[in-house]
């Protein structure tokens, strides 16, 4: 796989997260029930969440990081914004800072970030030509306490599924690398 300058620029941009200390974490979800909103991110796994839109990391340097699914490189990849308006309006935000998955990261500093690039090949409908796209499928963020969080542009097709599927407009997030591999969030 050969990364273009655009891919390398995205990796360089993502490294701006290194050195940021996390103060608060929020999930942004679609409001499925406007009259009685409730969170939908919980899954059958205690330390794995499924987020339908984005994750906001509030930091001590007045930086707001949004990790979301986006189509910059291919329709369903990972995107990162720093202090930019979100593309998603009309959603609801849930503060998950004290949840079991995130509380161990509050007050810690991001010490590393790595991106897993995937290649997808598809046949163009109009021309019939085969096209390949390289896109960011998942990221691993390492913190100053040596703990890691894994975020993948993937989701469960049905409640109770034993693995996630990529190419969905959803994020899955966990701090358990073994679980992430078992569910096929990461390779």
C-alpha atoms as a PDB file:
ATOM      1  CA  UNK A   1       0.000   0.000   0.000  1.00  0.00           C
ATOM      2  CA  UNK A   2       1.404   3.367  -1.008  1.00  0.00           C
ATOM      3  CA  UNK A   3       0.181   6.387   0.898  1.00  0.00           C
ATOM      4  CA  UNK A   4      -0.211   9.654  -1.000  1.00  0.00           C
ATOM      5  CA  UNK A   5       0.834  13.051   0.298  1.00  0.00           C
ATOM      6  CA  UNK A   6      -2.792  13.591   1.357  1.00  0.00           C
ATOM      7  CA  UNK A   7      -2.625  10.442   3.518  1.00  0.00           C
ATOM      8  CA  UNK A   8       0.700  11.500   5.028  1.00  0.00           C
ATOM      9  CA  UNK A   9      -0.707  14.983   5.726  1.00  0.00           C
ATOM     10  CA  UNK A  10      -3.640  13.390   7.583  1.00  0.00           C
ATOM     11  CA  UNK A  11      -1.216  11.351   9.711  1.00  0.00           C
ATOM     12  CA  UNK A  12       0.812  14.470  10.451  1.00  0.00           C
ATOM     13  CA  UNK A  13      -2.372  16.377  11.347  1.00  0.00           C
ATOM     14  CA  UNK A  14      -3.499  13.584  13.693  1.00  0.00           C
ATOM     15  CA  UNK A  15      -0.181  13.821  15.580  1.00  0.00           C
ATOM     16  CA  UNK A  16      -1.305  17.267  16.793  1.00  0.00           C
ATOM     17  CA  UNK A  17      -3.277  15.339  19.428  1.00  0.00           C
ATOM     18  CA  UNK A  18      -0.029  14.253  21.097  1.00  0.00           C
ATOM     19  CA  UNK A  19       0.535  16.292  24.238  1.00  0.00           C
ATOM     20  CA  UNK A  20      -3.139  17.128  24.810  1.00  0.00           C
ATOM     21  CA  UNK A  21      -4.567  16.278  28.238  1.00  0.00           C
ATOM     22  CA  UNK A  22      -8.144  15.002  28.280  1.00  0.00           C
ATOM     23  CA  UNK A  23     -10.538  16.843  30.603  1.00  0.00           C
ATOM     24  CA  UNK A  24     -13.901  15.622  29.333  1.00  0.00           C
ATOM     25  CA  UNK A  25     -15.295  13.182  26.747  1.00  0.00           C
ATOM     26  CA  UNK A  26     -18.649  13.414  25.002  1.00  0.00           C
ATOM     27  CA  UNK A  27     -20.448  11.238  22.487  1.00  0.00           C
ATOM     28  CA  UNK A  28     -22.639  12.860  19.870  1.00  0.00           C
ATOM     29  CA  UNK A  29     -25.524  10.670  18.730  1.00  0.00           C
ATOM     30  CA  UNK A  30     -28.563  10.929  16.523  1.00  0.00           C
ATOM     31  CA  UNK A  31     -31.663  11.759  18.524  1.00  0.00           C
ATOM     32  CA  UNK A  32     -33.727   8.657  17.784  1.00  0.00           C
ATOM     33  CA  UNK A  33     -36.524   9.574  20.194  1.00  0.00           C
ATOM     34  CA  UNK A  34     -36.919  13.375  20.288  1.00  0.00           C
ATOM     35  CA  UNK A  35     -39.643  13.330  22.939  1.00  0.00           C
ATOM     36  CA  UNK A  36     -37.668  11.092  25.297  1.00  0.00           C
ATOM     37  CA  UNK A  37     -33.962  11.175  24.341  1.00  0.00           C
ATOM     38  CA  UNK A  38     -31.758   8.484  25.784  1.00  0.00           C
ATOM     39  CA  UNK A  39     -28.263   7.193  24.982  1.00  0.00           C
ATOM     40  CA  UNK A  40     -27.885   4.356  22.496  1.00  0.00           C
ATOM     41  CA  UNK A  41     -24.115   3.878  22.618  1.00  0.00           C
ATOM     42  CA  UNK A  42     -24.033   0.977  25.119  1.00  0.00           C
ATOM     43  CA  UNK A  43     -23.464  -2.520  23.709  1.00  0.00           C
ATOM     44  CA  UNK A  44     -23.585  -6.030  25.155  1.00  0.00           C
ATOM     45  CA  UNK A  45     -19.878  -5.553  26.043  1.00  0.00           C
ATOM     46  CA  UNK A  46     -19.209  -3.517  29.189  1.00  0.00           C
ATOM     47  CA  UNK A  47     -16.144  -1.755  27.793  1.00  0.00           C
ATOM     48  CA  UNK A  48     -17.186  -1.251  24.173  1.00  0.00           C
ATOM     49  CA  UNK A  49     -19.408   1.555  22.945  1.00  0.00           C
ATOM     50  CA  UNK A  50     -21.014   2.041  19.549  1.00  0.00           C
ATOM     51  CA  UNK A  51     -21.418   5.711  18.681  1.00  0.00           C
ATOM     52  CA  UNK A  52     -23.557   6.949  15.825  1.00  0.00           C
ATOM     53  CA  UNK A  53     -21.656  10.002  14.854  1.00  0.00           C
ATOM     54  CA  UNK A  54     -18.743  11.332  16.824  1.00  0.00           C
ATOM     55  CA  UNK A  55     -16.577  11.494  19.933  1.00  0.00           C
ATOM     56  CA  UNK A  56     -15.498  14.849  21.385  1.00  0.00           C
ATOM     57  CA  UNK A  57     -12.327  15.120  23.466  1.00  0.00           C
ATOM     58  CA  UNK A  58     -12.148  18.342  25.487  1.00  0.00           C
ATOM     59  CA  UNK A  59      -8.565  19.231  26.433  1.00  0.00           C
ATOM     60  CA  UNK A  60      -6.770  21.576  28.802  1.00  0.00           C
ATOM     61  CA  UNK A  61      -5.286  23.629  25.965  1.00  0.00           C
ATOM     62  CA  UNK A  62      -8.735  24.864  24.860  1.00  0.00           C
ATOM     63  CA  UNK A  63      -8.699  22.395  22.012  1.00  0.00           C
ATOM     64  CA  UNK A  64     -11.822  20.495  21.107  1.00  0.00           C
ATOM     65  CA  UNK A  65     -11.050  17.333  19.167  1.00  0.00           C
ATOM     66  CA  UNK A  66     -13.808  15.600  17.224  1.00  0.00           C
ATOM     67  CA  UNK A  67     -13.245  12.043  16.028  1.00  0.00           C
ATOM     68  CA  UNK A  68     -15.974  11.031  13.598  1.00  0.00           C
ATOM     69  CA  UNK A  69     -16.693   8.911  10.575  1.00  0.00           C
ATOM     70  CA  UNK A  70     -16.180  10.801   7.347  1.00  0.00           C
ATOM     71  CA  UNK A  71     -15.674  10.355   3.632  1.00  0.00           C
ATOM     72  CA  UNK A  72     -12.504  12.311   2.929  1.00  0.00           C
ATOM     73  CA  UNK A  73     -10.617   9.283   1.581  1.00  0.00           C
ATOM     74  CA  UNK A  74     -13.526   6.871   1.225  1.00  0.00           C
ATOM     75  CA  UNK A  75     -17.124   6.979   2.270  1.00  0.00           C
ATOM     76  CA  UNK A  76     -16.701   5.381   5.713  1.00  0.00           C
ATOM     77  CA  UNK A  77     -13.380   6.279   7.296  1.00  0.00           C
ATOM     78  CA  UNK A  78     -12.174   8.015  10.439  1.00  0.00           C
ATOM     79  CA  UNK A  79     -11.995  11.803  10.484  1.00  0.00           C
ATOM     80  CA  UNK A  80     -10.406  14.156  13.006  1.00  0.00           C
ATOM     81  CA  UNK A  81     -11.148  17.832  13.593  1.00  0.00           C
ATOM     82  CA  UNK A  82      -9.486  20.213  16.019  1.00  0.00           C
ATOM     83  CA  UNK A  83     -11.430  23.356  16.987  1.00  0.00           C
ATOM     84  CA  UNK A  84     -13.636  23.136  13.885  1.00  0.00           C
ATOM     85  CA  UNK A  85     -17.421  23.154  13.729  1.00  0.00           C
ATOM     86  CA  UNK A  86     -19.012  19.730  13.643  1.00  0.00           C
ATOM     87  CA  UNK A  87     -20.701  18.626  10.429  1.00  0.00           C
ATOM     88  CA  UNK A  88     -23.507  17.108  12.454  1.00  0.00           C
ATOM     89  CA  UNK A  89     -26.298  19.240  13.829  1.00  0.00           C
ATOM     90  CA  UNK A  90     -29.456  18.225  15.635  1.00  0.00           C
ATOM     91  CA  UNK A  91     -27.644  15.521  17.583  1.00  0.00           C
ATOM     92  CA  UNK A  92     -27.516  15.050  21.311  1.00  0.00           C
ATOM     93  CA  UNK A  93     -24.325  14.947  23.350  1.00  0.00           C
ATOM     94  CA  UNK A  94     -23.722  12.645  26.288  1.00  0.00           C
ATOM     95  CA  UNK A  95     -20.937  13.312  28.790  1.00  0.00           C
ATOM     96  CA  UNK A  96     -19.196   9.937  29.174  1.00  0.00           C
ATOM     97  CA  UNK A  97     -16.205  11.201  31.197  1.00  0.00           C
ATOM     98  CA  UNK A  98     -17.158   9.181  34.281  1.00  0.00           C
ATOM     99  CA  UNK A  99     -18.144   6.016  32.403  1.00  0.00           C
ATOM    100  CA  UNK A 100     -15.989   2.959  33.057  1.00  0.00           C
ATOM    101  CA  UNK A 101     -14.537   3.093  29.559  1.00  0.00           C
ATOM    102  CA  UNK A 102     -13.326   6.707  29.746  1.00  0.00           C
ATOM    103  CA  UNK A 103     -12.726   7.660  33.397  1.00  0.00           C
ATOM    104  CA  UNK A 104      -9.196   6.176  33.390  1.00  0.00           C
ATOM    105  CA  UNK A 105      -8.235   8.606  30.599  1.00  0.00           C
ATOM    106  CA  UNK A 106      -9.508  11.812  32.204  1.00  0.00           C
ATOM    107  CA  UNK A 107      -6.503  13.886  33.299  1.00  0.00           C
ATOM    108  CA  UNK A 108      -4.060  11.851  31.209  1.00  0.00           C
ATOM    109  CA  UNK A 109      -2.110  13.115  28.217  1.00  0.00           C
ATOM    110  CA  UNK A 110      -2.108  11.642  24.726  1.00  0.00           C
ATOM    111  CA  UNK A 111       1.393  10.252  24.158  1.00  0.00           C
ATOM    112  CA  UNK A 112       0.910   8.597  20.754  1.00  0.00           C
ATOM    113  CA  UNK A 113      -1.608   8.070  17.979  1.00  0.00           C
ATOM    114  CA  UNK A 114      -1.463   5.574  15.139  1.00  0.00           C
ATOM    115  CA  UNK A 115      -3.746   5.094  12.172  1.00  0.00           C
ATOM    116  CA  UNK A 116      -4.549   1.823  10.430  1.00  0.00           C
ATOM    117  CA  UNK A 117      -5.033   2.316   6.714  1.00  0.00           C
ATOM    118  CA  UNK A 118      -7.226  -0.104   4.765  1.00  0.00           C
ATOM    119  CA  UNK A 119      -7.671  -0.546   1.038  1.00  0.00           C
ATOM    120  CA  UNK A 120     -11.057  -1.117  -0.524  1.00  0.00           C
ATOM    121  CA  UNK A 121     -11.567  -1.974  -4.181  1.00  0.00           C
ATOM    122  CA  UNK A 122     -14.818  -1.449  -5.998  1.00  0.00           C
ATOM    123  CA  UNK A 123     -16.105  -1.349  -9.546  1.00  0.00           C
ATOM    124  CA  UNK A 124     -17.283   2.073 -10.702  1.00  0.00           C
ATOM    125  CA  UNK A 125     -20.917   1.871 -11.781  1.00  0.00           C
ATOM    126  CA  UNK A 126     -20.636   4.117 -14.817  1.00  0.00           C
ATOM    127  CA  UNK A 127     -17.278   3.136 -16.271  1.00  0.00           C
ATOM    128  CA  UNK A 128     -17.004  -0.444 -15.026  1.00  0.00           C
ATOM    129  CA  UNK A 129     -13.402   0.285 -14.035  1.00  0.00           C
ATOM    130  CA  UNK A 130     -11.958  -1.044 -10.815  1.00  0.00           C
ATOM    131  CA  UNK A 131     -11.056   1.682  -8.326  1.00  0.00           C
ATOM    132  CA  UNK A 132      -9.033   1.350  -5.135  1.00  0.00           C
ATOM    133  CA  UNK A 133      -9.271   3.645  -2.134  1.00  0.00           C
ATOM    134  CA  UNK A 134      -6.971   3.818   0.884  1.00  0.00           C
ATOM    135  CA  UNK A 135      -8.737   5.166   3.946  1.00  0.00           C
ATOM    136  CA  UNK A 136      -8.229   5.411   7.740  1.00  0.00           C
ATOM    137  CA  UNK A 137     -10.204   2.499   9.214  1.00  0.00           C
ATOM    138  CA  UNK A 138      -9.202   2.823  12.859  1.00  0.00           C
ATOM    139  CA  UNK A 139      -6.973   4.697  15.257  1.00  0.00           C
ATOM    140  CA  UNK A 140      -5.164   3.734  18.416  1.00  0.00           C
ATOM    141  CA  UNK A 141      -4.561   6.463  20.975  1.00  0.00           C
ATOM    142  CA  UNK A 142      -1.982   5.822  23.701  1.00  0.00           C
ATOM    143  CA  UNK A 143      -2.087   7.858  26.917  1.00  0.00           C
ATOM    144  CA  UNK A 144       0.500   8.844  29.530  1.00  0.00           C
ATOM    145  CA  UNK A 145      -0.796   6.101  31.859  1.00  0.00           C
ATOM    146  CA  UNK A 146       0.183   3.520  29.150  1.00  0.00           C
ATOM    147  CA  UNK A 147      -3.479   2.688  28.526  1.00  0.00           C
ATOM    148  CA  UNK A 148      -4.907   2.727  25.008  1.00  0.00           C
ATOM    149  CA  UNK A 149      -8.225   3.456  23.353  1.00  0.00           C
ATOM    150  CA  UNK A 150      -9.197   1.937  19.990  1.00  0.00           C
ATOM    151  CA  UNK A 151     -11.672   3.688  17.707  1.00  0.00           C
ATOM    152  CA  UNK A 152     -12.880   2.103  14.475  1.00  0.00           C
ATOM    153  CA  UNK A 153     -15.245   3.213  11.732  1.00  0.00           C
ATOM    154  CA  UNK A 154     -17.379   0.115  12.240  1.00  0.00           C
ATOM    155  CA  UNK A 155     -20.540  -1.066  13.923  1.00  0.00           C
ATOM    156  CA  UNK A 156     -22.814  -3.971  14.685  1.00  0.00           C
ATOM    157  CA  UNK A 157     -25.397  -4.818  12.041  1.00  0.00           C
ATOM    158  CA  UNK A 158     -27.751  -6.321  14.628  1.00  0.00           C
ATOM    159  CA  UNK A 159     -27.956  -6.222  18.396  1.00  0.00           C
ATOM    160  CA  UNK A 160     -26.154  -9.241  19.827  1.00  0.00           C
ATOM    161  CA  UNK A 161     -23.707  -9.616  16.913  1.00  0.00           C
ATOM    162  CA  UNK A 162     -20.334 -11.113  17.837  1.00  0.00           C
ATOM    163  CA  UNK A 163     -18.322  -8.957  15.414  1.00  0.00           C
ATOM    164  CA  UNK A 164     -18.472  -5.483  13.933  1.00  0.00           C
ATOM    165  CA  UNK A 165     -18.476  -4.570  10.280  1.00  0.00           C
ATOM    166  CA  UNK A 166     -16.600  -1.749   8.603  1.00  0.00           C
ATOM    167  CA  UNK A 167     -18.065   0.472   5.922  1.00  0.00           C
ATOM    168  CA  UNK A 168     -20.730   1.771   8.297  1.00  0.00           C
ATOM    169  CA  UNK A 169     -21.524   5.317   9.419  1.00  0.00           C
ATOM    170  CA  UNK A 170     -20.695   4.476  13.019  1.00  0.00           C
ATOM    171  CA  UNK A 171     -17.778   4.350  15.445  1.00  0.00           C
ATOM    172  CA  UNK A 172     -16.917   1.588  17.881  1.00  0.00           C
ATOM    173  CA  UNK A 173     -14.639   2.385  20.800  1.00  0.00           C
ATOM    174  CA  UNK A 174     -12.959   0.209  23.427  1.00  0.00           C
ATOM    175  CA  UNK A 175      -9.923   0.127  25.704  1.00  0.00           C
ATOM    176  CA  UNK A 176      -9.552  -3.648  25.355  1.00  0.00           C
ATOM    177  CA  UNK A 177      -7.209  -4.618  22.503  1.00  0.00           C
ATOM    178  CA  UNK A 178      -8.066  -8.316  22.758  1.00  0.00           C
ATOM    179  CA  UNK A 179     -11.788  -7.535  22.493  1.00  0.00           C
ATOM    180  CA  UNK A 180     -11.146  -5.158  19.578  1.00  0.00           C
ATOM    181  CA  UNK A 181      -9.360  -7.968  17.714  1.00  0.00           C
ATOM    182  CA  UNK A 182     -11.976 -10.575  18.639  1.00  0.00           C
ATOM    183  CA  UNK A 183     -14.781  -8.344  17.312  1.00  0.00           C
ATOM    184  CA  UNK A 184     -12.738  -7.485  14.199  1.00  0.00           C
ATOM    185  CA  UNK A 185     -12.595  -3.771  15.075  1.00  0.00           C
ATOM    186  CA  UNK A 186      -8.851  -3.931  14.416  1.00  0.00           C
ATOM    187  CA  UNK A 187      -6.590  -6.485  12.719  1.00  0.00           C
END
